[in-house]
C-alpha atoms as a PDB file:
ATOM      1  CA  MET A   1      -0.002  -0.013  -0.013  1.00  0.00           C
ATOM      2  CA  ARG A   2       2.788   2.458   0.864  1.00  0.00           C
ATOM      3  CA  LYS A   3       4.475   1.691  -2.549  1.00  0.00           C
ATOM      4  CA  ALA A   4       1.196   2.488  -4.326  1.00  0.00           C
ATOM      5  CA  ILE A   5       0.751   5.667  -2.313  1.00  0.00           C
ATOM      6  CA  ALA A   6       4.336   6.751  -3.032  1.00  0.00           C
ATOM      7  CA  ARG A   7       3.923   6.061  -6.739  1.00  0.00           C
ATOM      8  CA  ARG A   8       0.589   7.898  -7.031  1.00  0.00           C
ATOM      9  CA  LEU A   9       1.710  10.962  -5.038  1.00  0.00           C
ATOM     10  CA  GLY A  10       4.951  11.103  -7.066  1.00  0.00           C
ATOM     11  CA  GLU A  11       2.799  11.290 -10.196  1.00  0.00           C
ATOM     12  CA  SER A  12       0.887  14.221  -8.683  1.00  0.00           C
ATOM     13  CA  ILE A  13       2.789  16.851  -6.693  1.00  0.00           C
ATOM     14  CA  GLY A  14       5.721  17.093  -9.156  1.00  0.00           C
ATOM     15  CA  PRO A  15       4.077  16.929 -12.627  1.00  0.00           C
ATOM     16  CA  VAL A  16       0.686  18.421 -11.629  1.00  0.00           C
ATOM     17  CA  PRO A  17       0.724  22.223 -11.214  1.00  0.00           C
ATOM     18  CA  HIS A  18      -1.269  22.630  -8.006  1.00  0.00           C
ATOM     19  CA  PHE A  19      -2.904  25.776  -6.742  1.00  0.00           C
ATOM     20  CA  PHE A  20      -5.155  26.165  -3.689  1.00  0.00           C
ATOM     21  CA  LEU A  21      -8.363  27.995  -2.847  1.00  0.00           C
ATOM     22  CA  THR A  22      -9.702  28.322   0.709  1.00  0.00           C
ATOM     23  CA  THR A  23     -13.099  29.416   1.975  1.00  0.00           C
ATOM     24  CA  GLU A  24     -15.015  29.270   5.235  1.00  0.00           C
ATOM     25  CA  VAL A  25     -18.547  27.824   5.455  1.00  0.00           C
ATOM     26  CA  ASP A  26     -21.260  28.599   7.973  1.00  0.00           C
ATOM     27  CA  MET A  27     -22.444  25.104   8.908  1.00  0.00           C
ATOM     28  CA  GLY A  28     -25.301  26.116  11.167  1.00  0.00           C
ATOM     29  CA  ARG A  29     -28.168  25.391   8.804  1.00  0.00           C
ATOM     30  CA  ALA A  30     -26.612  22.198   7.446  1.00  0.00           C
ATOM     31  CA  LEU A  31     -26.193  20.802  10.969  1.00  0.00           C
ATOM     32  CA  GLU A  32     -29.770  21.783  11.807  1.00  0.00           C
ATOM     33  CA  LEU A  33     -31.017  19.939   8.705  1.00  0.00           C
ATOM     34  CA  ARG A  34     -28.950  16.895   9.613  1.00  0.00           C
ATOM     35  CA  ALA A  35     -30.364  16.826  13.141  1.00  0.00           C
ATOM     36  CA  ASP A  36     -33.931  17.181  11.801  1.00  0.00           C
ATOM     37  CA  LEU A  37     -33.484  14.399   9.266  1.00  0.00           C
ATOM     38  CA  ASN A  38     -31.953  12.062  11.842  1.00  0.00           C
ATOM     39  CA  ALA A  39     -34.842  12.745  14.212  1.00  0.00           C
ATOM     40  CA  ARG A  40     -37.368  11.861  11.505  1.00  0.00           C
ATOM     41  CA  PHE A  41     -35.749   8.750  10.086  1.00  0.00           C
ATOM     42  CA  ALA A  42     -34.514   6.023  12.399  1.00  0.00           C
ATOM     43  CA  ASP A  43     -33.193   3.734   9.649  1.00  0.00           C
ATOM     44  CA  GLY A  44     -29.644   5.084   9.247  1.00  0.00           C
ATOM     45  CA  LYS A  45     -28.198   8.396  10.340  1.00  0.00           C
ATOM     46  CA  ILE A  46     -26.976  11.146   8.036  1.00  0.00           C
ATOM     47  CA  GLY A  47     -23.360  12.054   8.810  1.00  0.00           C
ATOM     48  CA  VAL A  48     -21.561  15.338   8.215  1.00  0.00           C
ATOM     49  CA  THR A  49     -19.466  13.638   5.523  1.00  0.00           C
ATOM     50  CA  ASP A  50     -22.696  12.672   3.708  1.00  0.00           C
ATOM     51  CA  LEU A  51     -23.670  16.346   3.541  1.00  0.00           C
ATOM     52  CA  LEU A  52     -20.218  17.223   2.217  1.00  0.00           C
ATOM     53  CA  LEU A  53     -20.392  14.551  -0.447  1.00  0.00           C
ATOM     54  CA  LYS A  54     -23.874  15.641  -1.555  1.00  0.00           C
ATOM     55  CA  ALA A  55     -22.846  19.280  -1.744  1.00  0.00           C
ATOM     56  CA  THR A  56     -19.758  18.348  -3.711  1.00  0.00           C
ATOM     57  CA  ALA A  57     -21.741  16.228  -6.188  1.00  0.00           C
ATOM     58  CA  GLU A  58     -24.272  18.988  -6.717  1.00  0.00           C
ATOM     59  CA  ALA A  59     -21.549  21.634  -7.179  1.00  0.00           C
ATOM     60  CA  LEU A  60     -19.850  19.394  -9.756  1.00  0.00           C
ATOM     61  CA  ASN A  61     -23.125  19.007 -11.612  1.00  0.00           C
ATOM     62  CA  ARG A  62     -23.366  22.780 -11.803  1.00  0.00           C
ATOM     63  CA  HIS A  63     -19.677  23.282 -12.723  1.00  0.00           C
ATOM     64  CA  PRO A  64     -18.729  20.341 -14.999  1.00  0.00           C
ATOM     65  CA  GLY A  65     -15.493  22.061 -15.909  1.00  0.00           C
ATOM     66  CA  VAL A  66     -14.144  20.937 -12.540  1.00  0.00           C
ATOM     67  CA  ASN A  67     -15.288  17.295 -13.059  1.00  0.00           C
ATOM     68  CA  ALA A  68     -12.517  16.764 -15.623  1.00  0.00           C
ATOM     69  CA  SER A  69      -9.056  15.283 -16.192  1.00  0.00           C
ATOM     70  CA  TRP A  70      -5.945  16.255 -18.089  1.00  0.00           C
ATOM     71  CA  GLU A  71      -5.005  13.534 -20.580  1.00  0.00           C
ATOM     72  CA  GLU A  72      -1.744  14.205 -22.452  1.00  0.00           C
ATOM     73  CA  ASN A  73      -2.701  17.185 -24.664  1.00  0.00           C
ATOM     74  CA  ALA A  74      -6.443  17.360 -24.052  1.00  0.00           C
ATOM     75  CA  ILE A  75      -9.011  17.829 -21.277  1.00  0.00           C
ATOM     76  CA  ARG A  76     -11.537  15.060 -20.720  1.00  0.00           C
ATOM     77  CA  TYR A  77     -14.846  16.158 -19.282  1.00  0.00           C
ATOM     78  CA  HIS A  78     -16.633  13.334 -17.431  1.00  0.00           C
ATOM     79  CA  GLY A  79     -20.285  12.650 -18.037  1.00  0.00           C
ATOM     80  CA  ALA A  80     -20.840  11.368 -14.502  1.00  0.00           C
ATOM     81  CA  VAL A  81     -19.632  12.350 -10.988  1.00  0.00           C
ATOM     82  CA  HIS A  82     -17.652   9.540  -9.346  1.00  0.00           C
ATOM     83  CA  LEU A  83     -16.546  10.829  -5.944  1.00  0.00           C
ATOM     84  CA  GLY A  84     -13.458   9.483  -4.213  1.00  0.00           C
ATOM     85  CA  ILE A  85     -13.757   9.389  -0.406  1.00  0.00           C
ATOM     86  CA  ALA A  86     -10.384   9.436   1.354  1.00  0.00           C
ATOM     87  CA  VAL A  87     -10.314   6.814   4.127  1.00  0.00           C
ATOM     88  CA  ALA A  88      -7.382   6.538   6.573  1.00  0.00           C
ATOM     89  CA  LEU A  89      -6.131   3.065   7.413  1.00  0.00           C
ATOM     90  CA  ASP A  90      -3.411   2.125   9.872  1.00  0.00           C
ATOM     91  CA  GLU A  91      -0.930   1.463   7.102  1.00  0.00           C
ATOM     92  CA  GLY A  92      -1.978   4.185   4.656  1.00  0.00           C
ATOM     93  CA  LEU A  93      -4.848   5.705   2.702  1.00  0.00           C
ATOM     94  CA  ILE A  94      -7.442   4.321   0.309  1.00  0.00           C
ATOM     95  CA  THR A  95     -10.034   6.168  -1.684  1.00  0.00           C
ATOM     96  CA  PRO A  96     -13.232   4.167  -2.420  1.00  0.00           C
ATOM     97  CA  VAL A  97     -15.317   5.673  -5.205  1.00  0.00           C
ATOM     98  CA  LEU A  98     -19.010   6.556  -4.837  1.00  0.00           C
ATOM     99  CA  ARG A  99     -20.315   6.024  -8.374  1.00  0.00           C
ATOM    100  CA  ASP A 100     -22.770   8.397 -10.064  1.00  0.00           C
ATOM    101  CA  ALA A 101     -22.989  10.598  -6.970  1.00  0.00           C
ATOM    102  CA  GLY A 102     -24.424  13.419  -9.041  1.00  0.00           C
ATOM    103  CA  ARG A 103     -27.604  11.458  -9.692  1.00  0.00           C
ATOM    104  CA  LYS A 104     -28.216  10.314  -6.078  1.00  0.00           C
ATOM    105  CA  GLY A 105     -30.143  11.770  -3.192  1.00  0.00           C
ATOM    106  CA  LEU A 106     -28.692  12.480   0.246  1.00  0.00           C
ATOM    107  CA  ARG A 107     -30.011   9.287   1.874  1.00  0.00           C
ATOM    108  CA  GLN A 108     -28.715   7.064  -0.913  1.00  0.00           C
ATOM    109  CA  ILE A 109     -25.335   8.787  -0.737  1.00  0.00           C
ATOM    110  CA  SER A 110     -25.294   8.193   3.021  1.00  0.00           C
ATOM    111  CA  VAL A 111     -26.098   4.490   2.748  1.00  0.00           C
ATOM    112  CA  GLU A 112     -23.605   3.777  -0.030  1.00  0.00           C
ATOM    113  CA  ALA A 113     -20.812   5.906   1.498  1.00  0.00           C
ATOM    114  CA  ARG A 114     -21.215   4.187   4.860  1.00  0.00           C
ATOM    115  CA  ASP A 115     -20.903   0.774   3.186  1.00  0.00           C
ATOM    116  CA  LEU A 116     -17.849   1.788   1.106  1.00  0.00           C
ATOM    117  CA  ILE A 117     -16.068   3.279   4.126  1.00  0.00           C
ATOM    118  CA  ALA A 118     -16.780   0.214   6.306  1.00  0.00           C
ATOM    119  CA  ARG A 119     -15.584  -2.209   3.671  1.00  0.00           C
ATOM    120  CA  ALA A 120     -12.504  -0.039   3.018  1.00  0.00           C
ATOM    121  CA  ARG A 121     -11.530  -0.230   6.698  1.00  0.00           C
ATOM    122  CA  ALA A 122     -12.152  -3.999   6.656  1.00  0.00           C
ATOM    123  CA  ARG A 123      -9.970  -4.341   3.478  1.00  0.00           C
ATOM    124  CA  LYS A 124     -12.887  -5.824   1.556  1.00  0.00           C
ATOM    125  CA  LEU A 125     -13.072  -3.482  -1.430  1.00  0.00           C
ATOM    126  CA  ALA A 126     -12.727  -4.887  -4.933  1.00  0.00           C
ATOM    127  CA  PRO A 127     -10.124  -3.032  -7.134  1.00  0.00           C
ATOM    128  CA  GLU A 128     -12.843  -1.438  -9.286  1.00  0.00           C
ATOM    129  CA  GLU A 129     -14.333   0.097  -6.138  1.00  0.00           C
ATOM    130  CA  TYR A 130     -11.327   2.337  -5.505  1.00  0.00           C
ATOM    131  CA  GLN A 131     -10.467   3.240  -9.105  1.00  0.00           C
ATOM    132  CA  GLY A 132     -12.043   5.581 -11.648  1.00  0.00           C
ATOM    133  CA  GLY A 133     -12.845   8.606  -9.480  1.00  0.00           C
ATOM    134  CA  THR A 134     -13.381  11.970 -11.113  1.00  0.00           C
ATOM    135  CA  PHE A 135     -12.991  14.161  -7.985  1.00  0.00           C
ATOM    136  CA  SER A 136     -12.176  13.487  -4.321  1.00  0.00           C
ATOM    137  CA  VAL A 137     -13.066  14.650  -0.843  1.00  0.00           C
ATOM    138  CA  SER A 138     -10.785  14.313   2.196  1.00  0.00           C
ATOM    139  CA  ASN A 139     -12.308  15.175   5.598  1.00  0.00           C
ATOM    140  CA  LEU A 140     -10.001  15.425   8.632  1.00  0.00           C
ATOM    141  CA  GLY A 141     -12.434  17.310  10.791  1.00  0.00           C
ATOM    142  CA  MET A 142     -12.934  14.325  13.074  1.00  0.00           C
ATOM    143  CA  PHE A 143      -9.213  14.569  13.948  1.00  0.00           C
ATOM    144  CA  GLU A 144      -9.595  18.208  15.112  1.00  0.00           C
ATOM    145  CA  ILE A 145      -7.709  19.573  12.069  1.00  0.00           C
ATOM    146  CA  ASP A 146      -8.758  23.182  11.294  1.00  0.00           C
ATOM    147  CA  GLN A 147      -7.346  23.453   7.769  1.00  0.00           C
ATOM    148  CA  PHE A 148      -4.991  21.528   5.414  1.00  0.00           C
ATOM    149  CA  THR A 149      -4.132  21.113   1.778  1.00  0.00           C
ATOM    150  CA  ALA A 150      -4.557  17.771   0.015  1.00  0.00           C
ATOM    151  CA  ILE A 151      -2.577  16.397  -2.944  1.00  0.00           C
ATOM    152  CA  ILE A 152      -4.621  15.684  -6.097  1.00  0.00           C
ATOM    153  CA  ASN A 153      -5.140  12.050  -7.035  1.00  0.00           C
ATOM    154  CA  PRO A 154      -4.338  11.891 -10.793  1.00  0.00           C
ATOM    155  CA  PRO A 155      -5.952  11.942 -13.281  1.00  0.00           C
ATOM    156  CA  GLU A 156      -8.523  13.857 -11.235  1.00  0.00           C
ATOM    157  CA  ALA A 157      -8.223  17.661 -11.454  1.00  0.00           C
ATOM    158  CA  GLY A 158      -9.277  18.560  -7.888  1.00  0.00           C
ATOM    159  CA  ILE A 159      -9.781  17.514  -4.267  1.00  0.00           C
ATOM    160  CA  LEU A 160     -11.477  19.151  -1.289  1.00  0.00           C
ATOM    161  CA  ALA A 161      -9.719  19.210   2.060  1.00  0.00           C
ATOM    162  CA  ILE A 162     -12.270  19.588   4.907  1.00  0.00           C
ATOM    163  CA  GLY A 163     -11.405  20.853   8.387  1.00  0.00           C
ATOM    164  CA  GLN A 164     -13.356  20.580  11.594  1.00  0.00           C
ATOM    165  CA  THR A 165     -16.443  22.669  12.391  1.00  0.00           C
ATOM    166  CA  VAL A 166     -15.824  25.028  15.277  1.00  0.00           C
ATOM    167  CA  GLU A 167     -17.805  27.674  17.096  1.00  0.00           C
ATOM    168  CA  LYS A 168     -16.183  31.114  16.604  1.00  0.00           C
ATOM    169  CA  PRO A 169     -17.171  34.752  16.742  1.00  0.00           C
ATOM    170  CA  VAL A 170     -17.940  36.287  13.351  1.00  0.00           C
ATOM    171  CA  ALA A 171     -19.338  39.597  12.176  1.00  0.00           C
ATOM    172  CA  VAL A 172     -22.936  39.358  10.814  1.00  0.00           C
ATOM    173  CA  ASP A 173     -24.737  42.543   9.800  1.00  0.00           C
ATOM    174  CA  GLY A 174     -22.408  44.607  11.916  1.00  0.00           C
ATOM    175  CA  GLN A 175     -22.882  42.439  15.022  1.00  0.00           C
ATOM    176  CA  ILE A 176     -20.502  39.888  16.596  1.00  0.00           C
ATOM    177  CA  VAL A 177     -22.199  36.537  16.913  1.00  0.00           C
ATOM    178  CA  VAL A 178     -21.010  32.947  17.530  1.00  0.00           C
ATOM    179  CA  ARG A 179     -21.412  30.648  14.512  1.00  0.00           C
ATOM    180  CA  LYS A 180     -20.387  27.132  13.551  1.00  0.00           C
ATOM    181  CA  ARG A 181     -17.727  27.539  10.861  1.00  0.00           C
ATOM    182  CA  MET A 182     -15.781  25.063   8.725  1.00  0.00           C
ATOM    183  CA  ARG A 183     -12.698  25.829   6.561  1.00  0.00           C
ATOM    184  CA  VAL A 184     -12.395  24.100   3.177  1.00  0.00           C
ATOM    185  CA  THR A 185      -9.408  24.149   0.841  1.00  0.00           C
ATOM    186  CA  MET A 186      -9.645  23.051  -2.744  1.00  0.00           C
ATOM    187  CA  SER A 187      -6.560  21.773  -4.550  1.00  0.00           C
ATOM    188  CA  CYS A 188      -6.741  22.390  -8.312  1.00  0.00           C
ATOM    189  CA  ASP A 189      -4.813  21.151 -11.356  1.00  0.00           C
ATOM    190  CA  HIS A 190      -4.114  24.399 -13.186  1.00  0.00           C
ATOM    191  CA  ARG A 191      -3.945  22.600 -16.551  1.00  0.00           C
ATOM    192  CA  VAL A 192      -7.679  21.952 -16.183  1.00  0.00           C
ATOM    193  CA  ILE A 193      -9.053  24.429 -13.663  1.00  0.00           C
ATOM    194  CA  ASP A 194      -8.439  28.230 -13.628  1.00  0.00           C
ATOM    195  CA  GLY A 195      -8.813  30.314 -10.551  1.00  0.00           C
ATOM    196  CA  ALA A 196     -12.223  31.711 -11.471  1.00  0.00           C
ATOM    197  CA  THR A 197     -13.557  28.259 -12.349  1.00  0.00           C
ATOM    198  CA  GLY A 198     -12.384  26.771  -9.051  1.00  0.00           C
ATOM    199  CA  ALA A 199     -13.734  29.753  -7.158  1.00  0.00           C
ATOM    200  CA  ALA A 200     -17.180  29.403  -8.804  1.00  0.00           C
ATOM    201  CA  PHE A 201     -17.291  25.703  -7.915  1.00  0.00           C
ATOM    202  CA  LEU A 202     -16.210  26.358  -4.348  1.00  0.00           C
ATOM    203  CA  GLY A 203     -18.808  29.121  -4.089  1.00  0.00           C
ATOM    204  CA  ALA A 204     -21.552  26.702  -5.161  1.00  0.00           C
ATOM    205  CA  PHE A 205     -20.358  24.123  -2.630  1.00  0.00           C
ATOM    206  CA  LYS A 206     -20.431  26.783   0.132  1.00  0.00           C
ATOM    207  CA  ALA A 207     -23.876  28.109  -0.926  1.00  0.00           C
ATOM    208  CA  MET A 208     -25.445  24.660  -0.788  1.00  0.00           C
ATOM    209  CA  LEU A 209     -24.186  23.941   2.732  1.00  0.00           C
ATOM    210  CA  GLU A 210     -25.351  27.353   3.897  1.00  0.00           C
ATOM    211  CA  ASN A 211     -28.758  26.834   2.186  1.00  0.00           C
ATOM    212  CA  PRO A 212     -28.995  23.061   2.464  1.00  0.00           C
ATOM    213  CA  LEU A 213     -32.587  22.689   1.237  1.00  0.00           C
ATOM    214  CA  GLU A 214     -31.105  23.178  -2.270  1.00  0.00           C
ATOM    215  CA  MET A 215     -29.423  19.756  -1.835  1.00  0.00           C
ATOM    216  CA  ILE A 216     -32.611  17.800  -1.159  1.00  0.00           C
ATOM    217  CA  LEU A 217     -35.238  19.613  -3.223  1.00  0.00           C
END
């Protein structure tokens, strides 16, 4: 596994021209929606990662220029959103792929992501279940990490690095209030994604988490 990780990252951080975009998301409404859904439905709980995956998939649907890959001298635009979910193991990292995430609802994403993550940790994934992603999400919030940058997994053109949600004072309409905030950093392959394109995608991701009904309607 470490050999595979070393080979893949060696193919990325050197040859791939990375740049990074960071934003901060108000997670108050998203967490309220999660609590409400979990109170209504007893068969499986919605996790924070599920909300992040759904928001990512919807943002990729709206900004297909980010759901793309550099292939020699051309850009390949993918017709479907296949989300890689970074899962930490004792000996390394594996990224199971949630297929056709752009066509799935929040609850279906939750069920399938939970199954993929569980089988990844149990080393029970088939090779085709961790290959063929078009964009990835890495969430280290559960490890109390505020912010980080992630290395792109080629041939994907981008990855989101998610930090923890913390309560902090922010200015809202000229008043200081305490809000639940989360920092997100997007790593972009500059051969595929320009700054404005990445910023528009990240803005859509942020808007859906701050107005989460858009993700389920």
